[in-house]
Amino acid sequence: NCFVVLCGYQEPVVTSWLRDLGFFRRTGMLDDDAHLIAVEELPQCAEVALSLEVTNWVDCRWSTLEMLPLCERRYLFPCFLQDVPGVDAARLVASGQVVVCEQMWADVVAD
């Protein structure tokens, strides 16, 4: 199963944007309340990952991926690689714990 987890305050805007982009049609993901999950704060993403037994997580913020060490694969869209001061994200990328997706979704699908 695939889920889209959005920070609650952004949910209506981001959901509309995903629909406008044809994200659900192009990816085959279901566009329904069971697969679009809104959280109020980013730290709740870890709770969602645990409760749904998520194995792979894609995000544009390193600070979110950092909260999800139990996910087998974490994919980072590179816009915020260094959004947490003092975190050696480059070391985690080099170790294979995090995949930086220069080609965005194409890299996720290829992996």
N, C-alpha and C. Protein backbone atom coordinates (compact mmCIF):
# COMPACT_ATOMS: atom_id res chain seq x y z
N ASN A 1 0.83 -1.20 0.00
CA ASN A 1 0.00 0.00 0.00
C ASN A 1 0.87 1.25 0.00
N CYS A 2 0.38 2.28 -0.62
CA CYS A 2 1.06 3.57 -0.65
C CYS A 2 0.17 4.62 0.00
N PHE A 3 0.81 5.52 0.73
CA PHE A 3 0.09 6.57 1.43
C PHE A 3 0.77 7.90 1.17
N VAL A 4 0.00 8.97 1.20
CA VAL A 4 0.54 10.32 1.17
C VAL A 4 0.25 10.90 2.55
N VAL A 5 1.30 11.28 3.26
CA VAL A 5 1.17 11.86 4.59
C VAL A 5 1.53 13.33 4.48
N LEU A 6 0.60 14.18 4.87
CA LEU A 6 0.77 15.62 4.75
C LEU A 6 0.65 16.28 6.10
N CYS A 7 1.43 17.32 6.30
CA CYS A 7 1.27 18.10 7.52
C CYS A 7 -0.10 18.80 7.44
N GLY A 8 -0.90 18.65 8.47
CA GLY A 8 -2.31 19.05 8.47
C GLY A 8 -2.60 20.45 7.98
N TYR A 9 -1.75 21.41 8.33
CA TYR A 9 -2.06 22.78 7.91
C TYR A 9 -1.91 22.97 6.42
N GLN A 10 -1.20 22.08 5.75
CA GLN A 10 -0.99 22.19 4.31
C GLN A 10 -1.93 21.28 3.52
N GLU A 11 -2.62 20.38 4.17
CA GLU A 11 -3.31 19.28 3.51
C GLU A 11 -4.22 19.72 2.37
N PRO A 12 -5.15 20.66 2.54
CA PRO A 12 -6.02 21.00 1.40
C PRO A 12 -5.26 21.57 0.21
N VAL A 13 -4.26 22.38 0.48
CA VAL A 13 -3.48 23.00 -0.61
C VAL A 13 -2.66 21.95 -1.34
N VAL A 14 -1.98 21.09 -0.60
CA VAL A 14 -1.12 20.08 -1.22
C VAL A 14 -1.96 19.04 -1.95
N THR A 15 -3.06 18.62 -1.36
CA THR A 15 -3.93 17.64 -2.03
C THR A 15 -4.44 18.19 -3.35
N SER A 16 -4.86 19.43 -3.36
CA SER A 16 -5.33 20.06 -4.60
C SER A 16 -4.20 20.12 -5.62
N TRP A 17 -3.00 20.48 -5.17
CA TRP A 17 -1.84 20.57 -6.04
C TRP A 17 -1.51 19.20 -6.64
N LEU A 18 -1.55 18.13 -5.82
CA LEU A 18 -1.28 16.79 -6.32
C LEU A 18 -2.30 16.38 -7.38
N ARG A 19 -3.56 16.73 -7.15
CA ARG A 19 -4.60 16.42 -8.13
C ARG A 19 -4.38 17.20 -9.43
N ASP A 20 -4.04 18.48 -9.29
CA ASP A 20 -3.80 19.30 -10.49
C ASP A 20 -2.63 18.77 -11.31
N LEU A 21 -1.62 18.24 -10.64
CA LEU A 21 -0.46 17.68 -11.33
C LEU A 21 -0.74 16.31 -11.96
N GLY A 22 -1.87 15.72 -11.60
CA GLY A 22 -2.17 14.37 -12.09
C GLY A 22 -1.39 13.31 -11.34
N PHE A 23 -0.93 13.64 -10.12
CA PHE A 23 -0.09 12.72 -9.34
C PHE A 23 -0.75 11.35 -9.16
N PHE A 24 -2.01 11.33 -8.78
CA PHE A 24 -2.68 10.06 -8.50
C PHE A 24 -2.87 9.25 -9.78
N ARG A 25 -3.22 9.90 -10.84
CA ARG A 25 -3.39 9.21 -12.12
C ARG A 25 -2.05 8.66 -12.60
N ARG A 26 -1.00 9.46 -12.50
CA ARG A 26 0.31 9.06 -13.01
C ARG A 26 0.98 7.99 -12.17
N THR A 27 0.75 7.99 -10.85
CA THR A 27 1.41 7.02 -9.98
C THR A 27 0.56 5.80 -9.68
N GLY A 28 -0.74 5.91 -9.90
CA GLY A 28 -1.63 4.80 -9.56
C GLY A 28 -2.03 4.77 -8.10
N MET A 29 -1.58 5.77 -7.35
CA MET A 29 -1.96 5.83 -5.92
C MET A 29 -3.43 6.18 -5.81
N LEU A 30 -4.06 5.66 -4.77
CA LEU A 30 -5.47 5.93 -4.54
C LEU A 30 -5.66 7.32 -3.96
N ASP A 31 -6.62 8.03 -4.49
CA ASP A 31 -6.95 9.39 -4.03
C ASP A 31 -8.18 9.30 -3.12
N ASP A 32 -7.96 8.84 -1.90
CA ASP A 32 -9.08 8.72 -0.96
C ASP A 32 -8.60 8.99 0.46
N ASP A 33 -9.53 9.10 1.38
CA ASP A 33 -9.19 9.44 2.77
C ASP A 33 -8.33 8.37 3.46
N ALA A 34 -8.42 7.14 3.01
CA ALA A 34 -7.63 6.08 3.63
C ALA A 34 -6.15 6.15 3.24
N HIS A 35 -5.86 6.79 2.11
CA HIS A 35 -4.48 6.85 1.62
C HIS A 35 -3.87 8.25 1.67
N LEU A 36 -4.68 9.24 2.03
CA LEU A 36 -4.19 10.61 2.27
C LEU A 36 -4.33 10.87 3.76
N ILE A 37 -3.21 10.95 4.43
CA ILE A 37 -3.22 11.08 5.88
C ILE A 37 -2.65 12.44 6.27
N ALA A 38 -3.41 13.19 7.04
CA ALA A 38 -2.96 14.51 7.49
C ALA A 38 -2.53 14.41 8.95
N VAL A 39 -1.39 15.00 9.25
CA VAL A 39 -0.92 15.10 10.64
C VAL A 39 -0.82 16.58 10.97
N GLU A 40 -0.93 16.90 12.26
CA GLU A 40 -0.87 18.30 12.66
C GLU A 40 0.56 18.81 12.73
N GLU A 41 1.49 17.93 13.13
CA GLU A 41 2.89 18.32 13.27
C GLU A 41 3.78 17.24 12.67
N LEU A 42 4.91 17.63 12.13
CA LEU A 42 5.80 16.69 11.47
C LEU A 42 6.22 15.51 12.35
N PRO A 43 6.48 15.69 13.66
CA PRO A 43 6.87 14.53 14.47
C PRO A 43 5.84 13.40 14.47
N GLN A 44 4.60 13.69 14.13
CA GLN A 44 3.58 12.65 14.07
C GLN A 44 3.81 11.69 12.90
N CYS A 45 4.66 12.06 11.98
CA CYS A 45 4.97 11.16 10.85
C CYS A 45 5.53 9.84 11.36
N ALA A 46 6.34 9.89 12.41
CA ALA A 46 6.91 8.66 12.97
C ALA A 46 5.81 7.75 13.51
N GLU A 47 4.79 8.32 14.14
CA GLU A 47 3.67 7.53 14.64
C GLU A 47 2.93 6.86 13.49
N VAL A 48 2.72 7.61 12.41
CA VAL A 48 2.04 7.07 11.23
C VAL A 48 2.86 5.92 10.65
N ALA A 49 4.16 6.13 10.52
CA ALA A 49 5.04 5.10 9.95
C ALA A 49 4.97 3.82 10.78
N LEU A 50 5.00 3.95 12.10
CA LEU A 50 4.92 2.77 12.97
C LEU A 50 3.56 2.09 12.87
N SER A 51 2.50 2.86 12.94
CA SER A 51 1.17 2.26 12.95
C SER A 51 0.82 1.57 11.63
N LEU A 52 1.34 2.08 10.51
CA LEU A 52 1.06 1.49 9.20
C LEU A 52 2.15 0.52 8.76
N GLU A 53 3.19 0.37 9.60
CA GLU A 53 4.33 -0.49 9.28
C GLU A 53 4.95 -0.10 7.93
N VAL A 54 5.17 1.20 7.77
CA VAL A 54 5.73 1.73 6.54
C VAL A 54 7.19 1.29 6.41
N THR A 55 7.55 0.80 5.24
CA THR A 55 8.92 0.36 5.00
C THR A 55 9.73 1.36 4.19
N ASN A 56 9.06 2.14 3.33
CA ASN A 56 9.73 3.14 2.49
C ASN A 56 9.05 4.48 2.68
N TRP A 57 9.86 5.54 2.78
CA TRP A 57 9.30 6.88 2.99
C TRP A 57 10.03 7.85 2.08
N VAL A 58 9.28 8.68 1.39
CA VAL A 58 9.83 9.71 0.51
C VAL A 58 9.49 11.06 1.12
N ASP A 59 10.47 11.95 1.22
CA ASP A 59 10.20 13.26 1.80
C ASP A 59 11.17 14.28 1.23
N CYS A 60 10.82 15.55 1.35
CA CYS A 60 11.71 16.61 0.89
C CYS A 60 12.44 17.25 2.07
N ARG A 61 12.22 16.72 3.28
CA ARG A 61 12.88 17.30 4.46
C ARG A 61 13.68 16.22 5.19
N TRP A 62 14.95 16.48 5.38
CA TRP A 62 15.79 15.56 6.12
C TRP A 62 15.26 15.40 7.55
N SER A 63 14.76 16.47 8.14
CA SER A 63 14.30 16.40 9.53
C SER A 63 13.15 15.39 9.68
N THR A 64 12.35 15.19 8.65
CA THR A 64 11.29 14.18 8.72
C THR A 64 11.90 12.79 8.59
N LEU A 65 12.78 12.58 7.63
CA LEU A 65 13.40 11.28 7.43
C LEU A 65 14.19 10.84 8.66
N GLU A 66 14.79 11.80 9.34
CA GLU A 66 15.59 11.49 10.52
C GLU A 66 14.73 10.85 11.62
N MET A 67 13.44 11.17 11.65
CA MET A 67 12.54 10.64 12.67
C MET A 67 12.10 9.21 12.35
N LEU A 68 12.50 8.66 11.21
CA LEU A 68 11.98 7.39 10.74
C LEU A 68 13.06 6.33 10.57
N PRO A 69 13.88 6.07 11.59
CA PRO A 69 14.99 5.14 11.42
C PRO A 69 14.55 3.70 11.18
N LEU A 70 13.30 3.36 11.50
CA LEU A 70 12.83 1.99 11.30
C LEU A 70 12.38 1.70 9.87
N CYS A 71 12.23 2.74 9.06
CA CYS A 71 11.90 2.53 7.65
C CYS A 71 13.11 1.92 6.95
N GLU A 72 12.87 0.88 6.17
CA GLU A 72 13.97 0.21 5.48
C GLU A 72 14.66 1.11 4.46
N ARG A 73 13.88 1.91 3.75
CA ARG A 73 14.43 2.82 2.75
C ARG A 73 13.83 4.19 2.97
N ARG A 74 14.70 5.19 2.96
CA ARG A 74 14.26 6.59 3.08
C ARG A 74 14.80 7.34 1.88
N TYR A 75 13.92 8.05 1.20
CA TYR A 75 14.28 8.77 -0.02
C TYR A 75 14.13 10.26 0.23
N LEU A 76 15.15 11.01 -0.14
CA LEU A 76 15.17 12.44 0.09
C LEU A 76 15.19 13.20 -1.23
N PHE A 77 14.19 14.03 -1.43
CA PHE A 77 14.27 14.99 -2.53
C PHE A 77 15.22 16.06 -2.03
N PRO A 78 16.26 16.41 -2.76
CA PRO A 78 17.43 17.12 -2.23
C PRO A 78 17.25 18.57 -1.82
N CYS A 79 16.07 19.12 -1.87
CA CYS A 79 15.94 20.55 -1.59
C CYS A 79 16.27 20.91 -0.14
N PHE A 80 16.16 19.98 0.80
CA PHE A 80 16.41 20.30 2.21
C PHE A 80 17.40 19.33 2.85
N LEU A 81 18.40 18.89 2.12
CA LEU A 81 19.34 17.90 2.66
C LEU A 81 19.95 18.36 3.97
N GLN A 82 20.22 19.62 4.12
CA GLN A 82 20.88 20.13 5.32
C GLN A 82 19.92 20.97 6.18
N ASP A 83 18.64 20.58 6.28
CA ASP A 83 17.71 21.42 7.02
C ASP A 83 17.82 21.27 8.53
N VAL A 84 18.67 20.36 9.00
CA VAL A 84 18.88 20.21 10.44
C VAL A 84 20.36 20.44 10.74
N PRO A 85 20.70 21.55 11.39
CA PRO A 85 22.10 21.83 11.68
C PRO A 85 22.72 20.71 12.53
N GLY A 86 23.96 20.38 12.23
CA GLY A 86 24.69 19.40 13.02
C GLY A 86 24.44 17.96 12.64
N VAL A 87 23.58 17.69 11.68
CA VAL A 87 23.31 16.32 11.25
C VAL A 87 24.18 16.02 10.04
N ASP A 88 24.89 14.92 10.10
CA ASP A 88 25.76 14.54 8.99
C ASP A 88 24.98 13.69 8.00
N ALA A 89 24.10 14.35 7.23
CA ALA A 89 23.27 13.64 6.26
C ALA A 89 24.13 12.97 5.19
N ALA A 90 25.25 13.58 4.85
CA ALA A 90 26.11 13.00 3.82
C ALA A 90 26.61 11.61 4.25
N ARG A 91 26.87 11.44 5.55
CA ARG A 91 27.31 10.14 6.05
C ARG A 91 26.22 9.09 5.87
N LEU A 92 24.97 9.45 6.15
CA LEU A 92 23.86 8.50 6.00
C LEU A 92 23.61 8.17 4.53
N VAL A 93 23.81 9.14 3.66
CA VAL A 93 23.68 8.88 2.23
C VAL A 93 24.77 7.92 1.79
N ALA A 94 26.00 8.18 2.21
CA ALA A 94 27.13 7.33 1.84
C ALA A 94 26.95 5.90 2.36
N SER A 95 26.31 5.74 3.50
CA SER A 95 26.12 4.40 4.08
C SER A 95 24.96 3.66 3.43
N GLY A 96 24.17 4.35 2.60
CA GLY A 96 23.04 3.71 1.94
C GLY A 96 21.75 3.77 2.73
N GLN A 97 21.77 4.39 3.92
CA GLN A 97 20.57 4.50 4.73
C GLN A 97 19.55 5.47 4.14
N VAL A 98 20.04 6.43 3.37
CA VAL A 98 19.17 7.43 2.74
C VAL A 98 19.57 7.55 1.28
N VAL A 99 18.58 7.59 0.40
CA VAL A 99 18.83 7.76 -1.03
C VAL A 99 18.42 9.18 -1.40
N VAL A 100 19.35 9.95 -1.95
CA VAL A 100 19.03 11.30 -2.43
C VAL A 100 18.55 11.18 -3.86
N CYS A 101 17.38 11.69 -4.11
CA CYS A 101 16.72 11.52 -5.41
C CYS A 101 16.89 12.77 -6.27
N GLU A 102 17.97 12.81 -7.02
CA GLU A 102 18.22 13.95 -7.90
C GLU A 102 17.15 14.03 -9.00
N GLN A 103 16.67 12.88 -9.43
CA GLN A 103 15.65 12.83 -10.48
C GLN A 103 14.25 12.67 -9.89
N MET A 104 14.12 12.99 -8.63
CA MET A 104 12.86 12.96 -7.91
C MET A 104 12.20 11.58 -8.00
N TRP A 105 10.96 11.49 -8.44
CA TRP A 105 10.21 10.23 -8.41
C TRP A 105 10.85 9.16 -9.28
N ALA A 106 11.52 9.52 -10.34
CA ALA A 106 12.15 8.51 -11.20
C ALA A 106 13.18 7.70 -10.41
N ASP A 107 13.92 8.34 -9.50
CA ASP A 107 14.91 7.63 -8.67
C ASP A 107 14.23 6.69 -7.68
N VAL A 108 13.10 7.09 -7.14
CA VAL A 108 12.38 6.24 -6.18
C VAL A 108 11.90 4.99 -6.89
N VAL A 109 11.28 5.16 -8.04
CA VAL A 109 10.75 4.03 -8.79
C VAL A 109 11.88 3.10 -9.25
N ALA A 110 13.00 3.67 -9.66
CA ALA A 110 14.12 2.87 -10.15
C ALA A 110 14.76 2.04 -9.03
N ASP A 111 14.69 2.51 -7.80
CA ASP A 111 15.31 1.81 -6.67
C ASP A 111 14.40 0.68 -6.25
